[in-house]
C-alpha atoms as a PDB file:
ATOM      1  CA  UNK A   1     123.023  71.875  89.593  1.00  0.00           C
ATOM      2  CA  UNK A   2     125.096  68.742  90.108  1.00  0.00           C
ATOM      3  CA  UNK A   3     128.198  70.610  88.960  1.00  0.00           C
ATOM      4  CA  UNK A   4     127.676  73.318  91.591  1.00  0.00           C
ATOM      5  CA  UNK A   5     127.225  70.679  94.296  1.00  0.00           C
ATOM      6  CA  UNK A   6     130.433  68.928  93.203  1.00  0.00           C
ATOM      7  CA  UNK A   7     132.267  72.260  93.113  1.00  0.00           C
ATOM      8  CA  UNK A   8     131.151  73.171  96.654  1.00  0.00           C
ATOM      9  CA  UNK A   9     132.166  69.730  97.930  1.00  0.00           C
ATOM     10  CA  UNK A  10     135.630  70.102  96.400  1.00  0.00           C
ATOM     11  CA  UNK A  11     136.044  73.648  97.731  1.00  0.00           C
ATOM     12  CA  UNK A  12     134.881  72.544 101.183  1.00  0.00           C
ATOM     13  CA  UNK A  13     137.410  69.713 101.329  1.00  0.00           C
ATOM     14  CA  UNK A  14     140.247  71.995 100.182  1.00  0.00           C
ATOM     15  CA  UNK A  15     139.231  74.604 102.757  1.00  0.00           C
ATOM     16  CA  UNK A  16     139.098  71.988 105.522  1.00  0.00           C
ATOM     17  CA  UNK A  17     142.593  70.750 104.731  1.00  0.00           C
ATOM     18  CA  UNK A  18     144.162  74.214 104.401  1.00  0.00           C
ATOM     19  CA  UNK A  19     142.430  75.665 107.467  1.00  0.00           C
ATOM     20  CA  UNK A  20     143.655  72.777 109.602  1.00  0.00           C
ATOM     21  CA  UNK A  21     147.195  73.186 108.235  1.00  0.00           C
ATOM     22  CA  UNK A  22     147.108  76.928 108.911  1.00  0.00           C
ATOM     23  CA  UNK A  23     145.832  76.485 112.465  1.00  0.00           C
ATOM     24  CA  UNK A  24     148.424  73.858 113.365  1.00  0.00           C
ATOM     25  CA  UNK A  25     151.391  75.516 111.626  1.00  0.00           C
ATOM     26  CA  UNK A  26     150.780  79.264 111.484  1.00  0.00           C
ATOM     27  CA  UNK A  27     148.571  80.225 114.445  1.00  0.00           C
ATOM     28  CA  UNK A  28     150.922  80.627 117.386  1.00  0.00           C
ATOM     29  CA  UNK A  29     148.750  80.537 120.488  1.00  0.00           C
ATOM     30  CA  UNK A  30     149.549  78.039 123.270  1.00  0.00           C
ATOM     31  CA  UNK A  31     145.887  77.968 124.352  1.00  0.00           C
ATOM     32  CA  UNK A  32     144.881  76.152 121.163  1.00  0.00           C
ATOM     33  CA  UNK A  33     144.838  72.381 121.812  1.00  0.00           C
ATOM     34  CA  UNK A  34     147.682  70.451 120.232  1.00  0.00           C
ATOM     35  CA  UNK A  35     145.418  67.713 118.886  1.00  0.00           C
ATOM     36  CA  UNK A  36     142.817  69.777 117.087  1.00  0.00           C
ATOM     37  CA  UNK A  37     140.854  68.531 114.091  1.00  0.00           C
ATOM     38  CA  UNK A  38     138.465  70.072 111.603  1.00  0.00           C
ATOM     39  CA  UNK A  39     135.953  67.290 110.965  1.00  0.00           C
ATOM     40  CA  UNK A  40     133.512  69.364 108.924  1.00  0.00           C
ATOM     41  CA  UNK A  41     132.828  72.665 107.234  1.00  0.00           C
ATOM     42  CA  UNK A  42     129.428  73.970 106.207  1.00  0.00           C
ATOM     43  CA  UNK A  43     129.802  76.231 103.195  1.00  0.00           C
ATOM     44  CA  UNK A  44     126.954  78.535 102.212  1.00  0.00           C
ATOM     45  CA  UNK A  45     125.550  78.208  98.695  1.00  0.00           C
ATOM     46  CA  UNK A  46     127.156  81.441  97.560  1.00  0.00           C
ATOM     47  CA  UNK A  47     130.467  80.457  99.264  1.00  0.00           C
ATOM     48  CA  UNK A  48     130.560  83.751 101.206  1.00  0.00           C
ATOM     49  CA  UNK A  49     130.280  82.162 104.670  1.00  0.00           C
ATOM     50  CA  UNK A  50     131.742  78.999 106.112  1.00  0.00           C
ATOM     51  CA  UNK A  51     131.110  77.447 109.500  1.00  0.00           C
ATOM     52  CA  UNK A  52     134.227  75.551 110.543  1.00  0.00           C
ATOM     53  CA  UNK A  53     133.654  72.868 113.170  1.00  0.00           C
ATOM     54  CA  UNK A  54     136.583  71.990 115.401  1.00  0.00           C
ATOM     55  CA  UNK A  55     137.055  68.954 117.576  1.00  0.00           C
ATOM     56  CA  UNK A  56     139.585  67.998 120.198  1.00  0.00           C
ATOM     57  CA  UNK A  57     140.131  65.383 122.875  1.00  0.00           C
ATOM     58  CA  UNK A  58     140.205  68.168 125.481  1.00  0.00           C
ATOM     59  CA  UNK A  59     137.341  69.210 127.737  1.00  0.00           C
ATOM     60  CA  UNK A  60     134.478  71.449 126.656  1.00  0.00           C
ATOM     61  CA  UNK A  61     135.913  74.555 128.337  1.00  0.00           C
ATOM     62  CA  UNK A  62     139.215  74.188 126.480  1.00  0.00           C
ATOM     63  CA  UNK A  63     137.364  73.735 123.180  1.00  0.00           C
ATOM     64  CA  UNK A  64     135.205  76.803 123.829  1.00  0.00           C
ATOM     65  CA  UNK A  65     138.300  78.881 124.572  1.00  0.00           C
ATOM     66  CA  UNK A  66     139.923  77.590 121.372  1.00  0.00           C
ATOM     67  CA  UNK A  67     136.827  78.607 119.398  1.00  0.00           C
ATOM     68  CA  UNK A  68     137.016  82.134 120.826  1.00  0.00           C
ATOM     69  CA  UNK A  69     140.715  82.375 119.942  1.00  0.00           C
ATOM     70  CA  UNK A  70     140.142  81.033 116.432  1.00  0.00           C
ATOM     71  CA  UNK A  71     137.247  83.425 115.811  1.00  0.00           C
ATOM     72  CA  UNK A  72     139.548  86.316 116.785  1.00  0.00           C
ATOM     73  CA  UNK A  73     142.237  84.921 114.480  1.00  0.00           C
ATOM     74  CA  UNK A  74     139.741  84.270 111.653  1.00  0.00           C
ATOM     75  CA  UNK A  75     140.859  87.243 109.484  1.00  0.00           C
ATOM     76  CA  UNK A  76     144.472  86.026 109.661  1.00  0.00           C
ATOM     77  CA  UNK A  77     143.434  82.439 108.862  1.00  0.00           C
ATOM     78  CA  UNK A  78     141.277  83.675 105.964  1.00  0.00           C
ATOM     79  CA  UNK A  79     144.192  85.630 104.464  1.00  0.00           C
ATOM     80  CA  UNK A  80     146.600  82.712 104.812  1.00  0.00           C
ATOM     81  CA  UNK A  81     144.200  80.179 103.301  1.00  0.00           C
ATOM     82  CA  UNK A  82     143.163  82.604 100.527  1.00  0.00           C
ATOM     83  CA  UNK A  83     146.787  82.649  99.377  1.00  0.00           C
ATOM     84  CA  UNK A  84     146.519  78.909  98.649  1.00  0.00           C
ATOM     85  CA  UNK A  85     142.920  78.518  97.472  1.00  0.00           C
ATOM     86  CA  UNK A  86     141.644  80.754  94.705  1.00  0.00           C
ATOM     87  CA  UNK A  87     137.880  81.184  94.625  1.00  0.00           C
ATOM     88  CA  UNK A  88     135.760  84.110  93.495  1.00  0.00           C
ATOM     89  CA  UNK A  89     134.439  84.999  96.945  1.00  0.00           C
ATOM     90  CA  UNK A  90     136.550  83.718  99.790  1.00  0.00           C
ATOM     91  CA  UNK A  91     134.245  82.817 102.685  1.00  0.00           C
ATOM     92  CA  UNK A  92     134.106  84.542 106.036  1.00  0.00           C
ATOM     93  CA  UNK A  93     135.059  81.908 108.618  1.00  0.00           C
ATOM     94  CA  UNK A  94     133.094  81.233 111.777  1.00  0.00           C
ATOM     95  CA  UNK A  95     134.444  78.592 114.146  1.00  0.00           C
ATOM     96  CA  UNK A  96     132.208  76.370 116.282  1.00  0.00           C
ATOM     97  CA  UNK A  97     132.750  73.320 118.487  1.00  0.00           C
ATOM     98  CA  UNK A  98     131.854  69.991 116.882  1.00  0.00           C
ATOM     99  CA  UNK A  99     130.240  67.934 119.600  1.00  0.00           C
ATOM    100  CA  UNK A 100     128.928  65.158 117.376  1.00  0.00           C
ATOM    101  CA  UNK A 101     131.301  62.598 118.934  1.00  0.00           C
ATOM    102  CA  UNK A 102     129.907  63.422 122.377  1.00  0.00           C
ATOM    103  CA  UNK A 103     126.389  63.024 120.991  1.00  0.00           C
ATOM    104  CA  UNK A 104     127.302  59.591 119.631  1.00  0.00           C
ATOM    105  CA  UNK A 105     128.650  58.582 123.036  1.00  0.00           C
ATOM    106  CA  UNK A 106     125.371  59.652 124.649  1.00  0.00           C
ATOM    107  CA  UNK A 107     123.348  57.726 122.078  1.00  0.00           C
ATOM    108  CA  UNK A 108     125.494  54.626 122.577  1.00  0.00           C
ATOM    109  CA  UNK A 109     125.083  54.771 126.351  1.00  0.00           C
ATOM    110  CA  UNK A 110     121.291  55.123 125.972  1.00  0.00           C
ATOM    111  CA  UNK A 111     121.217  52.151 123.595  1.00  0.00           C
ATOM    112  CA  UNK A 112     123.323  50.110 126.025  1.00  0.00           C
ATOM    113  CA  UNK A 113     120.866  50.926 128.820  1.00  0.00           C
ATOM    114  CA  UNK A 114     117.937  49.871 126.648  1.00  0.00           C
ATOM    115  CA  UNK A 115     119.738  46.662 125.714  1.00  0.00           C
ATOM    116  CA  UNK A 116     120.360  45.896 129.410  1.00  0.00           C
ATOM    117  CA  UNK A 117     116.714  46.569 130.224  1.00  0.00           C
ATOM    118  CA  UNK A 118     115.530  44.228 127.458  1.00  0.00           C
ATOM    119  CA  UNK A 119     117.711  41.361 128.672  1.00  0.00           C
END
């Protein structure tokens, strides 16, 4: 079981790196933010599906539009990445916005308010 977990972690990291490279270098759409990152990928146990989280310094509307564009370009991205990463079942990619940084900002502001109230 530990070997499978290690394998999925390695595959996930390789996918993250290659997907980001493909988006920044091969996807030619000016609506995709210039400073886009892929902070995380959730790979299913059978490696047939992968949720790719994207993050950007742009506003929420711009990120949502980028997600729609990337989901339409997902078959192209899958083909390009599959040329570089060989796995038995290449995952179907689904792009979503990663809003964890915004959640951390909200948590920090709440903690700051509590700290101010305690003082």
